[in-house]
């Protein structure tokens, strides 16, 4: 078996494995127990999608299409509000209100 894809986390590995299996390529996702060694926080670099040697070329073609479609990329800095931006503003407002109340 060969590594067809190195995923950021176990969830992404299963997404890619599902894509490959939907296209008739048998897969094996490795790295389940290695991620647990780091606790509940998802760690990167331990999850791999393996395929048979004869399916490697086709699998990498499908992975390349997956990545170029935009689903495999993390989009940041595009000018749109992200959920964590709202949390930052909320905490800033709370801090300002707290300072105002402490001065009274």
N, C-alpha and C. Protein backbone atom coordinates (compact mmCIF):
# COMPACT_ATOMS: atom_id res chain seq x y z
N UNK A 1 0.85 -1.18 0.00
CA UNK A 1 0.00 0.00 0.00
C UNK A 1 0.89 1.24 0.00
N UNK A 2 0.37 2.28 -0.66
CA UNK A 2 1.08 3.55 -0.77
C UNK A 2 0.22 4.66 -0.15
N UNK A 3 0.88 5.72 0.31
CA UNK A 3 0.15 6.87 0.85
C UNK A 3 -0.29 7.73 -0.33
N UNK A 4 -1.60 7.88 -0.47
CA UNK A 4 -2.16 8.70 -1.54
C UNK A 4 -2.41 10.13 -1.08
N UNK A 5 -2.60 10.31 0.24
CA UNK A 5 -2.92 11.64 0.76
C UNK A 5 -2.51 11.74 2.22
N UNK A 6 -1.87 12.84 2.56
CA UNK A 6 -1.52 13.14 3.96
C UNK A 6 -2.47 14.25 4.42
N UNK A 7 -3.36 13.88 5.31
CA UNK A 7 -4.42 14.81 5.75
C UNK A 7 -3.98 15.63 6.95
N UNK A 8 -4.67 16.75 7.15
CA UNK A 8 -4.41 17.59 8.33
C UNK A 8 -4.92 16.94 9.60
N UNK A 9 -6.05 16.24 9.49
CA UNK A 9 -6.62 15.56 10.65
C UNK A 9 -7.40 14.34 10.19
N UNK A 10 -7.89 13.58 11.14
CA UNK A 10 -8.55 12.30 10.83
C UNK A 10 -9.85 12.51 10.07
N UNK A 11 -10.54 13.63 10.32
CA UNK A 11 -11.78 13.91 9.62
C UNK A 11 -11.53 14.13 8.14
N UNK A 12 -10.54 14.94 7.83
CA UNK A 12 -10.21 15.19 6.42
C UNK A 12 -9.75 13.90 5.73
N UNK A 13 -9.02 13.05 6.45
CA UNK A 13 -8.59 11.78 5.88
C UNK A 13 -9.79 10.92 5.49
N UNK A 14 -10.82 10.91 6.33
CA UNK A 14 -12.01 10.12 6.01
C UNK A 14 -12.82 10.74 4.87
N UNK A 15 -12.80 12.05 4.76
CA UNK A 15 -13.48 12.70 3.63
C UNK A 15 -12.82 12.29 2.32
N UNK A 16 -11.50 12.35 2.27
CA UNK A 16 -10.77 11.97 1.06
C UNK A 16 -10.93 10.47 0.79
N UNK A 17 -10.90 9.66 1.83
CA UNK A 17 -11.09 8.22 1.66
C UNK A 17 -12.47 7.94 1.09
N UNK A 18 -13.48 8.65 1.53
CA UNK A 18 -14.83 8.49 1.00
C UNK A 18 -14.90 8.88 -0.47
N UNK A 19 -14.21 9.95 -0.83
CA UNK A 19 -14.15 10.37 -2.22
C UNK A 19 -13.52 9.28 -3.09
N UNK A 20 -12.42 8.73 -2.62
CA UNK A 20 -11.73 7.68 -3.38
C UNK A 20 -12.59 6.42 -3.48
N UNK A 21 -13.22 6.03 -2.38
CA UNK A 21 -14.07 4.83 -2.40
C UNK A 21 -15.29 5.01 -3.29
N UNK A 22 -15.80 6.24 -3.36
CA UNK A 22 -16.93 6.51 -4.25
C UNK A 22 -16.53 6.36 -5.72
N UNK A 23 -15.22 6.45 -5.98
CA UNK A 23 -14.72 6.29 -7.33
C UNK A 23 -14.09 4.91 -7.54
N UNK A 24 -14.41 3.97 -6.67
CA UNK A 24 -14.00 2.59 -6.86
C UNK A 24 -12.60 2.24 -6.40
N UNK A 25 -12.00 3.06 -5.57
CA UNK A 25 -10.65 2.80 -5.07
C UNK A 25 -10.75 2.41 -3.60
N UNK A 26 -10.26 1.24 -3.27
CA UNK A 26 -10.29 0.78 -1.88
C UNK A 26 -9.21 1.52 -1.09
N UNK A 27 -9.59 1.99 0.11
CA UNK A 27 -8.67 2.80 0.92
C UNK A 27 -8.52 2.23 2.33
N UNK A 28 -7.47 2.70 2.98
CA UNK A 28 -7.25 2.43 4.39
C UNK A 28 -6.79 3.75 5.02
N UNK A 29 -7.47 4.17 6.08
CA UNK A 29 -7.09 5.40 6.78
C UNK A 29 -6.29 5.03 8.00
N UNK A 30 -5.06 5.52 8.07
CA UNK A 30 -4.19 5.25 9.21
C UNK A 30 -4.01 6.48 10.07
N UNK A 31 -3.68 6.26 11.32
CA UNK A 31 -3.39 7.36 12.23
C UNK A 31 -4.42 7.59 13.30
N UNK A 32 -5.40 6.70 13.43
CA UNK A 32 -6.44 6.89 14.46
C UNK A 32 -5.84 6.94 15.86
N UNK A 33 -5.01 6.00 16.18
CA UNK A 33 -4.48 5.90 17.54
C UNK A 33 -3.38 6.91 17.81
N UNK A 34 -2.70 7.36 16.79
CA UNK A 34 -1.66 8.37 16.98
C UNK A 34 -2.25 9.70 17.36
N UNK A 35 -3.43 10.01 16.84
CA UNK A 35 -4.06 11.28 17.20
C UNK A 35 -4.50 11.27 18.65
N UNK A 36 -4.95 10.15 19.16
CA UNK A 36 -5.38 10.06 20.54
C UNK A 36 -4.26 10.28 21.53
N UNK A 37 -3.03 10.05 21.11
CA UNK A 37 -1.89 10.25 22.00
C UNK A 37 -1.70 11.72 22.35
N UNK A 38 -2.25 12.60 21.54
CA UNK A 38 -2.10 14.03 21.78
C UNK A 38 -3.28 14.61 22.53
N UNK A 39 -4.21 13.79 22.98
CA UNK A 39 -5.36 14.28 23.71
C UNK A 39 -6.53 14.57 22.79
N UNK A 40 -7.46 15.37 23.25
CA UNK A 40 -8.66 15.65 22.48
C UNK A 40 -8.43 16.68 21.38
N UNK A 41 -7.33 17.39 21.42
CA UNK A 41 -7.04 18.39 20.40
C UNK A 41 -6.58 17.68 19.14
N UNK A 42 -7.18 17.99 18.02
CA UNK A 42 -6.79 17.38 16.76
C UNK A 42 -5.39 17.80 16.37
N UNK A 43 -4.54 16.84 16.09
CA UNK A 43 -3.18 17.15 15.70
C UNK A 43 -3.02 16.91 14.21
N UNK A 44 -2.05 17.56 13.63
CA UNK A 44 -1.86 17.47 12.19
C UNK A 44 -0.70 16.55 11.85
N UNK A 45 -0.82 15.92 10.70
CA UNK A 45 0.29 15.15 10.16
C UNK A 45 0.30 13.67 10.49
N UNK A 46 -0.64 13.19 11.26
CA UNK A 46 -0.65 11.78 11.63
C UNK A 46 -1.62 10.95 10.81
N UNK A 47 -2.49 11.57 10.05
CA UNK A 47 -3.53 10.85 9.34
C UNK A 47 -3.16 10.73 7.87
N UNK A 48 -3.17 9.50 7.37
CA UNK A 48 -2.83 9.24 5.98
C UNK A 48 -3.89 8.35 5.36
N UNK A 49 -4.10 8.55 4.05
CA UNK A 49 -5.00 7.70 3.29
C UNK A 49 -4.12 6.81 2.41
N UNK A 50 -4.25 5.51 2.61
CA UNK A 50 -3.44 4.54 1.87
C UNK A 50 -4.30 3.88 0.81
N UNK A 51 -3.69 3.58 -0.33
CA UNK A 51 -4.36 2.84 -1.41
C UNK A 51 -3.41 1.77 -1.92
N UNK A 52 -3.96 0.83 -2.67
CA UNK A 52 -3.14 -0.22 -3.28
C UNK A 52 -2.19 0.40 -4.31
N UNK A 53 -1.07 -0.26 -4.53
CA UNK A 53 -0.06 0.27 -5.45
C UNK A 53 -0.63 0.57 -6.84
N UNK A 54 -1.47 -0.31 -7.34
CA UNK A 54 -2.00 -0.12 -8.69
C UNK A 54 -3.03 1.00 -8.78
N UNK A 55 -3.56 1.46 -7.64
CA UNK A 55 -4.55 2.55 -7.63
C UNK A 55 -3.93 3.90 -7.30
N UNK A 56 -2.64 3.95 -7.07
CA UNK A 56 -2.00 5.17 -6.59
C UNK A 56 -2.13 6.32 -7.59
N UNK A 57 -1.87 6.09 -8.85
CA UNK A 57 -1.93 7.16 -9.85
C UNK A 57 -3.33 7.77 -9.93
N UNK A 58 -4.34 6.93 -10.05
CA UNK A 58 -5.73 7.40 -10.15
C UNK A 58 -6.15 8.11 -8.86
N UNK A 59 -5.72 7.59 -7.71
CA UNK A 59 -6.06 8.21 -6.43
C UNK A 59 -5.46 9.61 -6.33
N UNK A 60 -4.22 9.75 -6.75
CA UNK A 60 -3.58 11.08 -6.68
C UNK A 60 -4.22 12.06 -7.66
N UNK A 61 -4.72 11.56 -8.79
CA UNK A 61 -5.46 12.43 -9.71
C UNK A 61 -6.74 12.95 -9.04
N UNK A 62 -7.46 12.05 -8.39
CA UNK A 62 -8.70 12.45 -7.71
C UNK A 62 -8.42 13.41 -6.56
N UNK A 63 -7.34 13.17 -5.82
CA UNK A 63 -6.97 14.07 -4.73
C UNK A 63 -6.61 15.44 -5.28
N UNK A 64 -5.91 15.46 -6.39
CA UNK A 64 -5.55 16.73 -7.02
C UNK A 64 -6.80 17.51 -7.44
N UNK A 65 -7.79 16.82 -7.99
CA UNK A 65 -9.05 17.46 -8.35
C UNK A 65 -9.78 17.97 -7.11
N UNK A 66 -9.73 17.19 -6.04
CA UNK A 66 -10.36 17.58 -4.77
C UNK A 66 -9.72 18.87 -4.24
N UNK A 67 -8.39 18.93 -4.26
CA UNK A 67 -7.70 20.10 -3.74
C UNK A 67 -7.92 21.33 -4.62
N UNK A 68 -7.96 21.14 -5.93
CA UNK A 68 -8.15 22.28 -6.83
C UNK A 68 -9.59 22.80 -6.80
N UNK A 69 -10.53 21.99 -6.33
CA UNK A 69 -11.92 22.43 -6.26
C UNK A 69 -12.16 23.42 -5.13
N UNK A 70 -11.21 23.54 -4.22
CA UNK A 70 -11.35 24.48 -3.12
C UNK A 70 -11.79 23.84 -1.82
N UNK A 71 -12.23 22.58 -1.85
CA UNK A 71 -12.68 21.92 -0.63
C UNK A 71 -11.51 21.54 0.25
N UNK A 72 -10.36 21.31 -0.32
CA UNK A 72 -9.21 20.87 0.45
C UNK A 72 -8.36 21.98 1.00
N UNK A 73 -8.75 23.23 0.76
CA UNK A 73 -7.96 24.36 1.20
C UNK A 73 -8.64 25.10 2.34
N UNK A 74 -7.83 25.68 3.20
CA UNK A 74 -8.35 26.53 4.27
C UNK A 74 -8.28 27.97 3.76
N UNK A 75 -9.41 28.64 3.70
CA UNK A 75 -9.46 29.99 3.16
C UNK A 75 -9.42 30.96 4.32
N UNK A 76 -8.43 31.84 4.30
CA UNK A 76 -8.32 32.86 5.35
C UNK A 76 -7.94 34.18 4.69
N UNK A 77 -8.27 35.26 5.35
CA UNK A 77 -7.89 36.58 4.87
C UNK A 77 -8.63 37.03 3.63
N UNK A 78 -9.82 36.55 3.42
CA UNK A 78 -10.56 36.92 2.23
C UNK A 78 -11.46 38.15 2.45
N UNK A 79 -11.36 38.75 3.61
CA UNK A 79 -12.14 39.94 3.89
C UNK A 79 -13.50 39.67 4.50
N UNK A 80 -13.94 38.45 4.52
CA UNK A 80 -15.24 38.14 5.11
C UNK A 80 -15.07 37.91 6.61
N UNK A 81 -16.15 38.17 7.35
CA UNK A 81 -16.11 37.94 8.78
C UNK A 81 -16.12 36.45 9.08
N UNK A 82 -15.22 36.04 9.95
CA UNK A 82 -15.19 34.65 10.40
C UNK A 82 -15.83 34.61 11.79
N UNK A 83 -16.30 33.44 12.24
CA UNK A 83 -16.95 33.36 13.55
C UNK A 83 -16.06 33.84 14.69
N UNK A 84 -14.74 33.60 14.62
CA UNK A 84 -13.88 34.03 15.71
C UNK A 84 -13.72 35.54 15.76
N UNK A 85 -13.97 36.24 14.65
CA UNK A 85 -13.91 37.71 14.66
C UNK A 85 -15.00 38.28 15.56
N UNK A 86 -16.18 37.68 15.53
CA UNK A 86 -17.26 38.14 16.40
C UNK A 86 -16.91 37.94 17.86
N UNK A 87 -16.27 36.83 18.18
CA UNK A 87 -15.87 36.56 19.56
C UNK A 87 -14.85 37.59 20.03
N UNK A 88 -13.93 37.96 19.17
CA UNK A 88 -12.92 38.98 19.54
C UNK A 88 -13.58 40.32 19.82
N UNK A 89 -14.53 40.72 18.96
CA UNK A 89 -15.21 41.98 19.19
C UNK A 89 -16.04 41.95 20.47
N UNK A 90 -16.69 40.82 20.74
CA UNK A 90 -17.49 40.67 21.94
C UNK A 90 -16.60 40.81 23.19
N UNK A 91 -15.44 40.16 23.17
CA UNK A 91 -14.53 40.25 24.31
C UNK A 91 -13.98 41.66 24.48
N UNK A 92 -13.72 42.34 23.38
CA UNK A 92 -13.24 43.72 23.46
C UNK A 92 -14.31 44.62 24.09
N UNK A 93 -15.56 44.46 23.68
CA UNK A 93 -16.65 45.26 24.23
C UNK A 93 -16.82 44.97 25.72
N UNK A 94 -16.72 43.68 26.10
CA UNK A 94 -16.81 43.33 27.53
C UNK A 94 -15.69 43.97 28.33
N UNK A 95 -14.49 43.97 27.78
CA UNK A 95 -13.35 44.57 28.48
C UNK A 95 -13.56 46.08 28.66
N UNK A 96 -14.05 46.77 27.65
CA UNK A 96 -14.30 48.20 27.75
C UNK A 96 -15.38 48.49 28.78
N UNK A 97 -16.46 47.72 28.75
CA UNK A 97 -17.52 47.90 29.74
C UNK A 97 -17.00 47.62 31.15
N UNK A 98 -16.18 46.61 31.29
CA UNK A 98 -15.60 46.30 32.60
C UNK A 98 -14.72 47.42 33.10
N UNK A 99 -13.91 48.02 32.24
CA UNK A 99 -13.08 49.15 32.65
C UNK A 99 -13.92 50.37 33.04
N UNK A 100 -14.99 50.59 32.30
CA UNK A 100 -15.87 51.72 32.64
C UNK A 100 -16.53 51.50 34.00
N UNK A 101 -16.99 50.28 34.26
CA UNK A 101 -17.63 49.99 35.54
C UNK A 101 -16.63 50.04 36.70
N UNK A 102 -15.40 49.68 36.48
CA UNK A 102 -14.39 49.73 37.55
C UNK A 102 -14.03 51.16 37.91
N UNK A 103 -14.17 52.09 36.99
CA UNK A 103 -13.84 53.49 37.26
C UNK A 103 -14.95 54.20 38.03
N UNK A 104 -16.13 53.62 38.14
CA UNK A 104 -17.21 54.28 38.89
C UNK A 104 -17.11 53.94 40.31
